[in-house]
Amino acid sequence: MFCGLLVTAACADDRDGGGDRARTADLDENVAAIVDDLNGYWSEASSDLGFEFEPVGLDRVSTGRDGVLCDRRPIEPSEVTGNAFVDSSCAEGITVAYDPDYLGGSLVRSEATLAHEWGHVVQAQATELDLSLDPDGLPIDAELQADCFAGAWAGERAASAIEQLRRDTAGAGDEGEVDIEDPHAHGSPEQRVAAFDVGLDGGPQACVDELIDALPE
């Protein structure tokens, strides 16, 4: 039996569900390690951006299957199916939610997805940095800036190969022609990778000062 390499890899007999339990344990450990690293990185990097980052604890990271509350209501699995999101309006505090099936036990997918979501956490905590809130900003700018912030983190801290993270970021791009005014647009594969590379090469400040001019049409 072949087992893929994760931060903590395990190989288990899939009879009686052992393989599913092992993959879940691997994913949980990967997520915990990535969350800790993202919190550490942004706690250090935020001072250069002019704000004090507040770490998001694992108790505010939800799979939709663990009873984490937002406004006293549990987040439901259907809310995160095939997806991940940040909700900064919860009375209990910022919530990051993800579908474990979407992450699929992959370290690359876990790092790419969570690094992007922590980009949204940065925007929520320092709204003055959020490009989508500029007078000429659009919702897609927030998504591409989150990719940029992910690239900044990845350049210094990611365990996965950068090229793998770039491919995963591209794979999450919108299909077909992107209407930049669509409130649900995240960017084409080319735009998302370009945004990632701005952060990778220039760090977090470039995601504020240089991103828009660097994006392909």
N, C-alpha and C. Protein backbone atom coordinates (compact mmCIF):
# COMPACT_ATOMS: atom_id res chain seq x y z
N MET A 1 0.85 -1.19 0.00
CA MET A 1 0.00 0.00 0.00
C MET A 1 0.88 1.23 0.00
N PHE A 2 0.61 2.15 -0.92
CA PHE A 2 1.38 3.38 -1.01
C PHE A 2 0.72 4.44 -0.16
N CYS A 3 1.51 5.17 0.64
CA CYS A 3 0.99 6.27 1.45
C CYS A 3 1.68 7.55 1.03
N GLY A 4 0.89 8.60 0.78
CA GLY A 4 1.46 9.89 0.43
C GLY A 4 2.15 10.52 1.62
N LEU A 5 3.14 11.35 1.36
CA LEU A 5 3.91 12.01 2.41
C LEU A 5 3.18 13.24 2.91
N LEU A 6 2.93 13.29 4.21
CA LEU A 6 2.35 14.45 4.87
C LEU A 6 3.32 14.90 5.95
N VAL A 7 2.97 15.96 6.67
CA VAL A 7 3.79 16.34 7.81
C VAL A 7 3.92 15.16 8.76
N THR A 8 2.80 14.50 8.99
CA THR A 8 2.82 13.28 9.78
C THR A 8 2.11 12.23 8.95
N ALA A 9 2.85 11.32 8.37
CA ALA A 9 2.27 10.34 7.46
C ALA A 9 1.94 9.07 8.22
N ALA A 10 0.86 8.43 7.85
CA ALA A 10 0.48 7.17 8.47
C ALA A 10 -0.07 6.26 7.40
N CYS A 11 0.17 4.99 7.55
CA CYS A 11 -0.35 4.01 6.62
C CYS A 11 -1.16 3.02 7.43
N ALA A 12 -2.44 2.87 7.09
CA ALA A 12 -3.31 2.01 7.87
C ALA A 12 -4.14 1.15 6.96
N ASP A 13 -4.54 0.00 7.47
CA ASP A 13 -5.42 -0.90 6.75
C ASP A 13 -6.79 -0.25 6.64
N ASP A 14 -7.29 -0.08 5.40
CA ASP A 14 -8.55 0.61 5.20
C ASP A 14 -9.75 -0.22 5.62
N ARG A 15 -9.58 -1.51 5.88
CA ARG A 15 -10.70 -2.30 6.39
C ARG A 15 -11.11 -1.75 7.73
N ASP A 16 -12.37 -1.73 8.03
CA ASP A 16 -13.00 -1.23 9.27
C ASP A 16 -12.80 0.27 9.47
N GLY A 17 -12.42 0.99 8.39
CA GLY A 17 -12.32 2.44 8.51
C GLY A 17 -11.01 2.92 9.09
N GLY A 18 -10.02 2.06 9.28
CA GLY A 18 -8.76 2.48 9.86
C GLY A 18 -8.07 3.54 9.04
N GLY A 19 -8.14 3.40 7.69
CA GLY A 19 -7.50 4.38 6.83
C GLY A 19 -8.13 5.75 6.96
N ASP A 20 -9.46 5.80 7.07
CA ASP A 20 -10.14 7.08 7.22
C ASP A 20 -9.74 7.75 8.53
N ARG A 21 -9.64 6.95 9.59
CA ARG A 21 -9.24 7.53 10.88
C ARG A 21 -7.82 8.06 10.83
N ALA A 22 -6.93 7.32 10.14
CA ALA A 22 -5.54 7.76 10.04
C ALA A 22 -5.45 9.05 9.24
N ARG A 23 -6.20 9.12 8.12
CA ARG A 23 -6.17 10.34 7.32
C ARG A 23 -6.72 11.52 8.10
N THR A 24 -7.77 11.29 8.88
CA THR A 24 -8.34 12.36 9.69
C THR A 24 -7.33 12.85 10.72
N ALA A 25 -6.63 11.91 11.36
CA ALA A 25 -5.62 12.29 12.35
C ALA A 25 -4.50 13.07 11.70
N ASP A 26 -4.06 12.63 10.51
CA ASP A 26 -3.01 13.36 9.80
C ASP A 26 -3.46 14.78 9.47
N LEU A 27 -4.68 14.90 8.97
CA LEU A 27 -5.20 16.21 8.61
C LEU A 27 -5.30 17.10 9.83
N ASP A 28 -5.81 16.58 10.93
CA ASP A 28 -5.94 17.38 12.15
C ASP A 28 -4.57 17.88 12.61
N GLU A 29 -3.56 17.02 12.55
CA GLU A 29 -2.23 17.42 12.97
C GLU A 29 -1.64 18.44 12.01
N ASN A 30 -1.84 18.23 10.71
CA ASN A 30 -1.36 19.20 9.73
C ASN A 30 -2.00 20.56 9.95
N VAL A 31 -3.32 20.58 10.10
CA VAL A 31 -4.04 21.84 10.29
C VAL A 31 -3.54 22.55 11.55
N ALA A 32 -3.40 21.81 12.64
CA ALA A 32 -2.94 22.43 13.89
C ALA A 32 -1.56 23.05 13.71
N ALA A 33 -0.67 22.34 13.01
CA ALA A 33 0.69 22.86 12.80
C ALA A 33 0.68 24.09 11.90
N ILE A 34 -0.13 24.05 10.84
CA ILE A 34 -0.20 25.18 9.91
C ILE A 34 -0.80 26.40 10.59
N VAL A 35 -1.88 26.20 11.34
CA VAL A 35 -2.51 27.31 12.06
C VAL A 35 -1.51 27.96 13.02
N ASP A 36 -0.78 27.14 13.75
CA ASP A 36 0.21 27.67 14.69
C ASP A 36 1.27 28.48 13.95
N ASP A 37 1.71 27.98 12.79
CA ASP A 37 2.74 28.67 12.04
C ASP A 37 2.22 29.97 11.44
N LEU A 38 1.02 29.94 10.90
CA LEU A 38 0.43 31.15 10.34
C LEU A 38 0.26 32.22 11.42
N ASN A 39 -0.21 31.82 12.59
CA ASN A 39 -0.35 32.78 13.69
C ASN A 39 1.01 33.36 14.08
N GLY A 40 2.02 32.52 14.11
CA GLY A 40 3.35 33.00 14.45
C GLY A 40 3.90 33.97 13.42
N TYR A 41 3.72 33.61 12.15
CA TYR A 41 4.23 34.46 11.08
C TYR A 41 3.56 35.84 11.11
N TRP A 42 2.24 35.86 11.17
CA TRP A 42 1.54 37.14 11.11
C TRP A 42 1.70 37.95 12.39
N SER A 43 1.94 37.29 13.51
CA SER A 43 2.24 38.03 14.74
C SER A 43 3.54 38.83 14.58
N GLU A 44 4.48 38.26 13.82
CA GLU A 44 5.75 38.95 13.57
C GLU A 44 5.63 39.97 12.44
N ALA A 45 4.96 39.57 11.34
CA ALA A 45 4.93 40.41 10.14
C ALA A 45 3.99 41.61 10.28
N SER A 46 3.01 41.51 11.16
CA SER A 46 1.99 42.56 11.22
C SER A 46 2.55 43.90 11.66
N SER A 47 3.60 43.91 12.46
CA SER A 47 4.14 45.19 12.92
C SER A 47 4.64 46.03 11.75
N ASP A 48 5.18 45.38 10.73
CA ASP A 48 5.64 46.12 9.55
C ASP A 48 4.48 46.68 8.74
N LEU A 49 3.29 46.11 8.93
CA LEU A 49 2.10 46.60 8.24
C LEU A 49 1.30 47.59 9.08
N GLY A 50 1.78 47.84 10.30
CA GLY A 50 1.16 48.88 11.12
C GLY A 50 0.00 48.43 11.98
N PHE A 51 -0.10 47.14 12.27
CA PHE A 51 -1.16 46.69 13.18
C PHE A 51 -0.63 45.54 14.01
N GLU A 52 -1.38 45.20 15.06
CA GLU A 52 -1.00 44.09 15.93
C GLU A 52 -1.92 42.91 15.68
N PHE A 53 -1.37 41.85 15.12
CA PHE A 53 -2.15 40.67 14.77
C PHE A 53 -2.57 39.92 16.02
N GLU A 54 -3.83 39.47 16.03
CA GLU A 54 -4.34 38.66 17.13
C GLU A 54 -4.50 37.23 16.63
N PRO A 55 -3.72 36.29 17.15
CA PRO A 55 -3.81 34.90 16.68
C PRO A 55 -5.22 34.34 16.78
N VAL A 56 -5.56 33.51 15.83
CA VAL A 56 -6.85 32.81 15.82
C VAL A 56 -6.61 31.41 16.35
N GLY A 57 -7.20 31.11 17.50
CA GLY A 57 -6.98 29.81 18.14
C GLY A 57 -7.68 28.68 17.42
N LEU A 58 -7.21 27.47 17.66
CA LEU A 58 -7.83 26.30 17.04
C LEU A 58 -9.30 26.15 17.45
N ASP A 59 -9.66 26.72 18.59
CA ASP A 59 -11.06 26.64 19.01
C ASP A 59 -11.97 27.50 18.15
N ARG A 60 -11.38 28.34 17.28
CA ARG A 60 -12.15 29.14 16.33
C ARG A 60 -11.97 28.66 14.89
N VAL A 61 -11.40 27.47 14.75
CA VAL A 61 -11.21 26.85 13.43
C VAL A 61 -12.14 25.66 13.35
N SER A 62 -13.06 25.69 12.40
CA SER A 62 -14.14 24.71 12.36
C SER A 62 -14.15 23.90 11.08
N THR A 63 -14.51 22.63 11.21
CA THR A 63 -14.76 21.79 10.04
C THR A 63 -16.25 21.73 9.71
N GLY A 64 -17.07 22.39 10.52
CA GLY A 64 -18.51 22.26 10.37
C GLY A 64 -19.03 20.97 10.98
N ARG A 65 -18.17 20.22 11.63
CA ARG A 65 -18.56 18.94 12.23
C ARG A 65 -18.19 18.88 13.70
N ASP A 66 -17.80 20.01 14.26
CA ASP A 66 -17.20 19.99 15.60
C ASP A 66 -17.91 20.88 16.60
N GLY A 67 -19.03 21.48 16.22
CA GLY A 67 -19.80 22.26 17.17
C GLY A 67 -19.30 23.66 17.43
N VAL A 68 -18.33 24.14 16.65
CA VAL A 68 -17.86 25.51 16.83
C VAL A 68 -19.02 26.47 16.54
N LEU A 69 -19.19 27.45 17.43
CA LEU A 69 -20.34 28.35 17.34
C LEU A 69 -20.00 29.67 16.66
N CYS A 70 -20.95 30.17 15.93
CA CYS A 70 -20.92 31.54 15.42
C CYS A 70 -22.26 32.16 15.74
N ASP A 71 -22.24 33.21 16.55
CA ASP A 71 -23.48 33.83 17.03
C ASP A 71 -24.39 32.79 17.69
N ARG A 72 -23.75 31.93 18.50
CA ARG A 72 -24.43 30.91 19.31
C ARG A 72 -25.09 29.81 18.47
N ARG A 73 -24.73 29.73 17.19
CA ARG A 73 -25.28 28.69 16.32
C ARG A 73 -24.13 27.87 15.76
N PRO A 74 -24.20 26.55 15.85
CA PRO A 74 -23.11 25.73 15.30
C PRO A 74 -22.98 25.92 13.78
N ILE A 75 -21.75 26.00 13.31
CA ILE A 75 -21.52 26.01 11.87
C ILE A 75 -21.86 24.62 11.33
N GLU A 76 -22.59 24.59 10.24
CA GLU A 76 -23.06 23.33 9.68
C GLU A 76 -22.13 22.84 8.56
N PRO A 77 -22.01 21.51 8.40
CA PRO A 77 -21.16 20.99 7.31
C PRO A 77 -21.54 21.53 5.95
N SER A 78 -22.82 21.74 5.72
CA SER A 78 -23.27 22.22 4.41
C SER A 78 -22.72 23.61 4.09
N GLU A 79 -22.37 24.37 5.12
CA GLU A 79 -21.86 25.71 4.90
C GLU A 79 -20.43 25.71 4.35
N VAL A 80 -19.72 24.61 4.56
CA VAL A 80 -18.31 24.57 4.15
C VAL A 80 -18.03 23.49 3.12
N THR A 81 -19.05 22.86 2.58
CA THR A 81 -18.84 21.78 1.61
C THR A 81 -18.04 22.28 0.42
N GLY A 82 -16.92 21.65 0.18
CA GLY A 82 -16.07 22.01 -0.95
C GLY A 82 -15.50 23.41 -0.86
N ASN A 83 -15.32 23.92 0.35
CA ASN A 83 -15.03 25.34 0.48
C ASN A 83 -14.25 25.61 1.77
N ALA A 84 -13.86 26.85 1.93
CA ALA A 84 -13.31 27.36 3.19
C ALA A 84 -13.65 28.84 3.25
N PHE A 85 -13.81 29.37 4.45
CA PHE A 85 -14.16 30.79 4.56
C PHE A 85 -13.76 31.33 5.91
N VAL A 86 -13.73 32.67 5.99
CA VAL A 86 -13.51 33.38 7.24
C VAL A 86 -14.75 34.21 7.52
N ASP A 87 -15.25 34.14 8.74
CA ASP A 87 -16.37 34.97 9.17
C ASP A 87 -15.88 35.82 10.34
N SER A 88 -15.76 37.11 10.09
CA SER A 88 -15.25 38.02 11.13
C SER A 88 -16.37 38.64 11.96
N SER A 89 -17.62 38.27 11.66
CA SER A 89 -18.74 38.89 12.35
C SER A 89 -19.26 38.08 13.54
N CYS A 90 -18.73 36.89 13.77
CA CYS A 90 -19.23 36.04 14.86
C CYS A 90 -18.99 36.71 16.21
N ALA A 91 -19.98 36.66 17.05
CA ALA A 91 -19.85 37.26 18.38
C ALA A 91 -18.74 36.60 19.19
N GLU A 92 -18.50 35.32 18.92
CA GLU A 92 -17.49 34.58 19.67
C GLU A 92 -16.07 34.88 19.20
N GLY A 93 -15.93 35.57 18.10
CA GLY A 93 -14.62 35.90 17.54
C GLY A 93 -14.48 35.41 16.11
N ILE A 94 -13.44 35.86 15.44
CA ILE A 94 -13.19 35.45 14.05
C ILE A 94 -13.20 33.93 13.95
N THR A 95 -13.90 33.43 12.94
CA THR A 95 -14.01 32.00 12.71
C THR A 95 -13.45 31.66 11.34
N VAL A 96 -12.60 30.64 11.30
CA VAL A 96 -12.12 30.09 10.04
C VAL A 96 -12.73 28.71 9.90
N ALA A 97 -13.39 28.45 8.78
CA ALA A 97 -14.04 27.16 8.56
C ALA A 97 -13.53 26.55 7.27
N TYR A 98 -13.42 25.23 7.25
CA TYR A 98 -12.95 24.53 6.06
C TYR A 98 -13.59 23.15 5.97
N ASP A 99 -13.69 22.65 4.76
CA ASP A 99 -14.20 21.31 4.52
C ASP A 99 -13.03 20.34 4.53
N PRO A 100 -12.95 19.42 5.49
CA PRO A 100 -11.82 18.49 5.53
C PRO A 100 -11.74 17.62 4.29
N ASP A 101 -12.89 17.34 3.66
CA ASP A 101 -12.86 16.56 2.43
C ASP A 101 -12.21 17.34 1.30
N TYR A 102 -12.39 18.66 1.31
CA TYR A 102 -11.75 19.51 0.30
C TYR A 102 -10.23 19.50 0.49
N LEU A 103 -9.79 19.58 1.74
CA LEU A 103 -8.35 19.52 1.98
C LEU A 103 -7.80 18.14 1.66
N GLY A 104 -8.60 17.11 1.90
CA GLY A 104 -8.29 15.77 1.44
C GLY A 104 -7.04 15.14 2.01
N GLY A 105 -6.58 15.58 3.16
CA GLY A 105 -5.38 14.99 3.74
C GLY A 105 -4.10 15.44 3.05
N SER A 106 -4.18 16.40 2.14
CA SER A 106 -3.02 16.87 1.39
C SER A 106 -2.36 18.04 2.11
N LEU A 107 -1.07 17.95 2.34
CA LEU A 107 -0.35 19.05 2.97
C LEU A 107 -0.36 20.28 2.07
N VAL A 108 -0.17 20.09 0.78
CA VAL A 108 -0.16 21.23 -0.14
C VAL A 108 -1.51 21.95 -0.11
N ARG A 109 -2.59 21.19 -0.26
CA ARG A 109 -3.92 21.80 -0.25
C ARG A 109 -4.20 22.49 1.09
N SER A 110 -3.77 21.85 2.17
CA SER A 110 -4.00 22.44 3.50
C SER A 110 -3.25 23.76 3.64
N GLU A 111 -1.99 23.77 3.22
CA GLU A 111 -1.20 25.00 3.36
C GLU A 111 -1.75 26.10 2.45
N ALA A 112 -2.05 25.77 1.19
CA ALA A 112 -2.54 26.78 0.25
C ALA A 112 -3.87 27.36 0.72
N THR A 113 -4.77 26.48 1.17
CA THR A 113 -6.10 26.93 1.58
C THR A 113 -6.04 27.76 2.86
N LEU A 114 -5.37 27.27 3.87
CA LEU A 114 -5.34 27.98 5.15
C LEU A 114 -4.54 29.27 5.05
N ALA A 115 -3.47 29.28 4.26
CA ALA A 115 -2.70 30.52 4.10
C ALA A 115 -3.56 31.59 3.43
N HIS A 116 -4.37 31.19 2.46
CA HIS A 116 -5.30 32.14 1.83
C HIS A 116 -6.31 32.66 2.85
N GLU A 117 -6.87 31.76 3.65
CA GLU A 117 -7.86 32.20 4.64
C GLU A 117 -7.24 33.11 5.69
N TRP A 118 -5.99 32.86 6.06
CA TRP A 118 -5.34 33.76 7.02
C TRP A 118 -5.08 35.13 6.39
N GLY A 119 -4.98 35.17 5.07
CA GLY A 119 -4.95 36.47 4.40
C GLY A 119 -6.22 37.25 4.67
N HIS A 120 -7.35 36.55 4.66
CA HIS A 120 -8.62 37.21 4.99
C HIS A 120 -8.69 37.60 6.46
N VAL A 121 -8.05 36.81 7.32
CA VAL A 121 -7.99 37.18 8.74
C VAL A 121 -7.24 38.51 8.88
N VAL A 122 -6.12 38.64 8.17
CA VAL A 122 -5.36 39.90 8.20
C VAL A 122 -6.25 41.05 7.76
N GLN A 123 -7.00 40.86 6.67
CA GLN A 123 -7.89 41.92 6.19
C GLN A 123 -8.96 42.27 7.22
N ALA A 124 -9.47 41.26 7.92
CA ALA A 124 -10.50 41.50 8.92
C ALA A 124 -9.96 42.28 10.11
N GLN A 125 -8.71 42.01 10.47
CA GLN A 125 -8.12 42.68 11.62
C GLN A 125 -7.54 44.05 11.28
N ALA A 126 -7.20 44.26 10.02
CA ALA A 126 -6.61 45.53 9.59
C ALA A 126 -7.33 45.96 8.32
N THR A 127 -8.55 46.43 8.47
CA THR A 127 -9.39 46.74 7.31
C THR A 127 -8.77 47.82 6.42
N GLU A 128 -7.90 48.64 6.99
CA GLU A 128 -7.26 49.69 6.19
C GLU A 128 -6.33 49.11 5.12
N LEU A 129 -5.96 47.83 5.28
CA LEU A 129 -5.09 47.19 4.30
C LEU A 129 -5.87 46.50 3.19
N ASP A 130 -7.15 46.30 3.38
CA ASP A 130 -7.99 45.52 2.45
C ASP A 130 -8.23 46.33 1.18
N LEU A 131 -7.64 45.87 0.08
CA LEU A 131 -7.73 46.60 -1.18
C LEU A 131 -9.16 46.68 -1.70
N SER A 132 -10.00 45.74 -1.33
CA SER A 132 -11.38 45.75 -1.83
C SER A 132 -12.19 46.89 -1.21
N LEU A 133 -11.68 47.47 -0.11
CA LEU A 133 -12.39 48.56 0.56
C LEU A 133 -11.92 49.93 0.10
N ASP A 134 -10.93 49.96 -0.82
CA ASP A 134 -10.54 51.23 -1.42
C ASP A 134 -11.71 51.79 -2.23
N PRO A 135 -11.74 53.10 -2.48
CA PRO A 135 -12.85 53.68 -3.26
C PRO A 135 -13.08 52.99 -4.60
N ASP A 136 -12.02 52.54 -5.25
CA ASP A 136 -12.15 51.86 -6.54
C ASP A 136 -12.03 50.35 -6.41
N GLY A 137 -12.06 49.85 -5.18
CA GLY A 137 -11.85 48.42 -4.96
C GLY A 137 -13.05 47.57 -5.34
N LEU A 138 -12.77 46.29 -5.57
CA LEU A 138 -13.80 45.31 -5.91
C LEU A 138 -13.62 44.08 -5.02
N PRO A 139 -14.67 43.27 -4.83
CA PRO A 139 -14.54 42.07 -4.02
C PRO A 139 -13.40 41.16 -4.47
N ILE A 140 -13.15 41.06 -5.77
CA ILE A 140 -12.08 40.19 -6.26
C ILE A 140 -10.72 40.63 -5.73
N ASP A 141 -10.57 41.95 -5.43
CA ASP A 141 -9.30 42.44 -4.91
C ASP A 141 -8.97 41.81 -3.56
N ALA A 142 -10.00 41.57 -2.75
CA ALA A 142 -9.77 40.93 -1.45
C ALA A 142 -9.27 39.51 -1.64
N GLU A 143 -9.84 38.80 -2.62
CA GLU A 143 -9.43 37.41 -2.86
C GLU A 143 -8.00 37.33 -3.37
N LEU A 144 -7.67 38.20 -4.30
CA LEU A 144 -6.31 38.17 -4.86
C LEU A 144 -5.29 38.66 -3.83
N GLN A 145 -5.68 39.61 -2.99
CA GLN A 145 -4.77 40.04 -1.93
C GLN A 145 -4.54 38.91 -0.93
N ALA A 146 -5.58 38.12 -0.66
CA ALA A 146 -5.41 36.97 0.23
C ALA A 146 -4.43 35.96 -0.38
N ASP A 147 -4.49 35.77 -1.71
CA ASP A 147 -3.49 34.91 -2.36
C ASP A 147 -2.10 35.50 -2.21
N CYS A 148 -2.01 36.82 -2.31
CA CYS A 148 -0.72 37.49 -2.17
C CYS A 148 -0.17 37.30 -0.76
N PHE A 149 -1.01 37.51 0.25
CA PHE A 149 -0.57 37.29 1.62
C PHE A 149 -0.15 35.84 1.83
N ALA A 150 -0.85 34.92 1.18
CA ALA A 150 -0.47 33.50 1.27
C ALA A 150 0.92 33.28 0.69
N GLY A 151 1.21 33.94 -0.43
CA GLY A 151 2.53 33.82 -1.02
C GLY A 151 3.62 34.37 -0.13
N ALA A 152 3.33 35.47 0.57
CA ALA A 152 4.31 36.05 1.48
C ALA A 152 4.66 35.06 2.59
N TRP A 153 3.61 34.43 3.16
CA TRP A 153 3.86 33.42 4.20
C TRP A 153 4.62 32.23 3.62
N ALA A 154 4.19 31.76 2.45
CA ALA A 154 4.79 30.56 1.87
C ALA A 154 6.27 30.74 1.60
N GLY A 155 6.66 31.93 1.18
CA GLY A 155 8.06 32.17 0.85
C GLY A 155 8.99 32.00 2.03
N GLU A 156 8.47 32.15 3.23
CA GLU A 156 9.30 32.03 4.43
C GLU A 156 9.02 30.79 5.25
N ARG A 157 7.80 30.24 5.17
CA ARG A 157 7.44 29.24 6.17
C ARG A 157 6.85 27.94 5.63
N ALA A 158 6.42 27.88 4.40
CA ALA A 158 5.71 26.69 3.93
C ALA A 158 6.61 25.46 3.93
N ALA A 159 6.02 24.32 4.28
CA ALA A 159 6.73 23.04 4.20
C ALA A 159 6.64 22.45 2.80
N SER A 160 5.58 22.76 2.08
CA SER A 160 5.39 22.25 0.72
C SER A 160 6.31 22.99 -0.25
N ALA A 161 6.59 22.36 -1.37
CA ALA A 161 7.36 23.01 -2.43
C ALA A 161 6.56 24.18 -2.99
N ILE A 162 7.23 25.28 -3.25
CA ILE A 162 6.55 26.47 -3.75
C ILE A 162 5.82 26.20 -5.05
N GLU A 163 6.42 25.44 -5.94
CA GLU A 163 5.77 25.18 -7.22
C GLU A 163 4.49 24.38 -7.04
N GLN A 164 4.46 23.49 -6.06
CA GLN A 164 3.23 22.76 -5.76
C GLN A 164 2.15 23.70 -5.25
N LEU A 165 2.53 24.65 -4.41
CA LEU A 165 1.57 25.63 -3.89
C LEU A 165 1.07 26.52 -5.01
N ARG A 166 1.93 26.88 -5.92
CA ARG A 166 1.51 27.70 -7.06
C ARG A 166 0.50 26.94 -7.91
N ARG A 167 0.76 25.65 -8.15
CA ARG A 167 -0.18 24.85 -8.95
C ARG A 167 -1.52 24.71 -8.25
N ASP A 168 -1.51 24.52 -6.93
CA ASP A 168 -2.76 24.39 -6.20
C ASP A 168 -3.54 25.71 -6.24
N THR A 169 -2.83 26.81 -6.12
CA THR A 169 -3.47 28.12 -6.19
C THR A 169 -4.11 28.34 -7.56
N ALA A 170 -3.39 27.98 -8.61
CA ALA A 170 -3.94 28.10 -9.96
C ALA A 170 -5.16 27.20 -10.14
N GLY A 171 -5.09 26.00 -9.58
CA GLY A 171 -6.19 25.05 -9.72
C GLY A 171 -7.47 25.51 -9.05
N ALA A 172 -7.36 26.44 -8.12
CA ALA A 172 -8.54 26.98 -7.44
C ALA A 172 -9.08 28.22 -8.13
N GLY A 173 -8.49 28.60 -9.27
CA GLY A 173 -8.94 29.79 -9.99
C GLY A 173 -10.29 29.58 -10.65
N ASP A 174 -10.94 30.68 -10.94
CA ASP A 174 -12.24 30.62 -11.61
C ASP A 174 -12.10 30.04 -13.01
N GLU A 175 -13.08 29.28 -13.42
CA GLU A 175 -13.07 28.70 -14.75
C GLU A 175 -13.66 29.69 -15.75
N GLY A 176 -13.13 29.66 -16.96
CA GLY A 176 -13.66 30.53 -18.00
C GLY A 176 -13.29 31.98 -17.78
N GLU A 177 -13.96 32.86 -18.50
CA GLU A 177 -13.68 34.29 -18.41
C GLU A 177 -14.20 34.84 -17.09
N VAL A 178 -13.38 35.64 -16.45
CA VAL A 178 -13.71 36.18 -15.13
C VAL A 178 -14.26 37.59 -15.27
N ASP A 179 -15.44 37.81 -14.75
CA ASP A 179 -16.00 39.16 -14.65
C ASP A 179 -15.48 39.76 -13.36
N ILE A 180 -14.62 40.74 -13.45
CA ILE A 180 -13.97 41.26 -12.25
C ILE A 180 -14.96 41.94 -11.30
N GLU A 181 -16.16 42.25 -11.79
CA GLU A 181 -17.15 42.87 -10.92
C GLU A 181 -18.09 41.84 -10.29
N ASP A 182 -17.92 40.58 -10.61
CA ASP A 182 -18.71 39.53 -9.98
C ASP A 182 -18.34 39.44 -8.51
N PRO A 183 -19.28 39.61 -7.60
CA PRO A 183 -18.94 39.60 -6.16
C PRO A 183 -18.39 38.26 -5.68
N HIS A 184 -18.59 37.19 -6.49
CA HIS A 184 -18.10 35.87 -6.10
C HIS A 184 -16.80 35.50 -6.80
N ALA A 185 -16.27 36.38 -7.63
CA ALA A 185 -15.06 36.07 -8.39
C ALA A 185 -13.85 35.99 -7.47
N HIS A 186 -13.00 35.00 -7.74
CA HIS A 186 -11.75 34.85 -7.00
C HIS A 186 -10.53 35.13 -7.88
N GLY A 187 -10.74 35.20 -9.18
CA GLY A 187 -9.63 35.45 -10.10
C GLY A 187 -9.34 34.24 -10.96
N SER A 188 -8.84 34.50 -12.15
CA SER A 188 -8.44 33.42 -13.05
C SER A 188 -7.22 32.71 -12.47
N PRO A 189 -6.90 31.50 -12.98
CA PRO A 189 -5.67 30.84 -12.52
C PRO A 189 -4.44 31.72 -12.67
N GLU A 190 -4.36 32.44 -13.79
CA GLU A 190 -3.20 33.31 -14.02
C GLU A 190 -3.15 34.46 -13.03
N GLN A 191 -4.30 35.04 -12.75
CA GLN A 191 -4.35 36.14 -11.78
C GLN A 191 -3.99 35.67 -10.38
N ARG A 192 -4.49 34.51 -10.01
CA ARG A 192 -4.24 34.02 -8.66
C ARG A 192 -2.77 33.69 -8.45
N VAL A 193 -2.15 33.07 -9.45
CA VAL A 193 -0.72 32.76 -9.32
C VAL A 193 0.10 34.05 -9.34
N ALA A 194 -0.28 35.01 -10.18
CA ALA A 194 0.45 36.28 -10.20
C ALA A 194 0.37 36.96 -8.84
N ALA A 195 -0.80 36.93 -8.21
CA ALA A 195 -0.95 37.52 -6.89
C ALA A 195 -0.09 36.80 -5.86
N PHE A 196 -0.11 35.48 -5.91
CA PHE A 196 0.73 34.68 -5.01
C PHE A 196 2.19 35.07 -5.17
N ASP A 197 2.63 35.23 -6.42
CA ASP A 197 4.03 35.54 -6.68
C ASP A 197 4.43 36.93 -6.20
N VAL A 198 3.49 37.88 -6.22
CA VAL A 198 3.80 39.21 -5.69
C VAL A 198 4.18 39.11 -4.22
N GLY A 199 3.40 38.36 -3.46
CA GLY A 199 3.72 38.18 -2.04
C GLY A 199 4.98 37.36 -1.84
N LEU A 200 5.14 36.33 -2.67
CA LEU A 200 6.32 35.47 -2.57
C LEU A 200 7.60 36.28 -2.77
N ASP A 201 7.58 37.17 -3.75
CA ASP A 201 8.78 37.93 -4.09
C ASP A 201 8.96 39.19 -3.24
N GLY A 202 7.85 39.82 -2.86
CA GLY A 202 7.95 41.12 -2.21
C GLY A 202 7.53 41.18 -0.77
N GLY A 203 6.95 40.10 -0.25
CA GLY A 203 6.51 40.10 1.13
C GLY A 203 5.17 40.80 1.31
N PRO A 204 4.68 40.86 2.55
CA PRO A 204 3.34 41.39 2.81
C PRO A 204 3.11 42.81 2.33
N GLN A 205 4.12 43.68 2.46
CA GLN A 205 3.92 45.07 2.07
C GLN A 205 3.61 45.21 0.59
N ALA A 206 4.21 44.33 -0.22
CA ALA A 206 3.94 44.36 -1.65
C ALA A 206 2.49 44.04 -1.95
N CYS A 207 1.85 43.28 -1.08
CA CYS A 207 0.44 42.93 -1.26
C CYS A 207 -0.47 44.13 -1.05
N VAL A 208 0.05 45.16 -0.43
CA VAL A 208 -0.70 46.40 -0.22
C VAL A 208 -0.32 47.43 -1.28
N ASP A 209 0.98 47.53 -1.58
CA ASP A 209 1.47 48.63 -2.43
C ASP A 209 1.57 48.29 -3.90
N GLU A 210 1.79 47.00 -4.25
CA GLU A 210 2.16 46.66 -5.62
C GLU A 210 1.20 45.73 -6.33
N LEU A 211 0.29 45.12 -5.61
CA LEU A 211 -0.49 44.01 -6.16
C LEU A 211 -1.31 44.40 -7.39
N ILE A 212 -2.11 45.41 -7.30
CA ILE A 212 -3.04 45.74 -8.38
C ILE A 212 -2.31 45.98 -9.70
N ASP A 213 -1.21 46.72 -9.66
CA ASP A 213 -0.47 47.02 -10.88
C ASP A 213 0.23 45.79 -11.45
N ALA A 214 0.44 44.77 -10.62
CA ALA A 214 1.18 43.59 -11.06
C ALA A 214 0.28 42.51 -11.66
N LEU A 215 -1.03 42.67 -11.54
CA LEU A 215 -1.94 41.60 -11.98
C LEU A 215 -2.12 41.63 -13.51
N PRO A 216 -2.19 40.43 -14.13
CA PRO A 216 -2.49 40.39 -15.56
C PRO A 216 -3.95 40.75 -15.80
N GLU A 217 -4.24 41.27 -16.99
CA GLU A 217 -5.62 41.62 -17.34
C GLU A 217 -6.47 40.37 -17.46
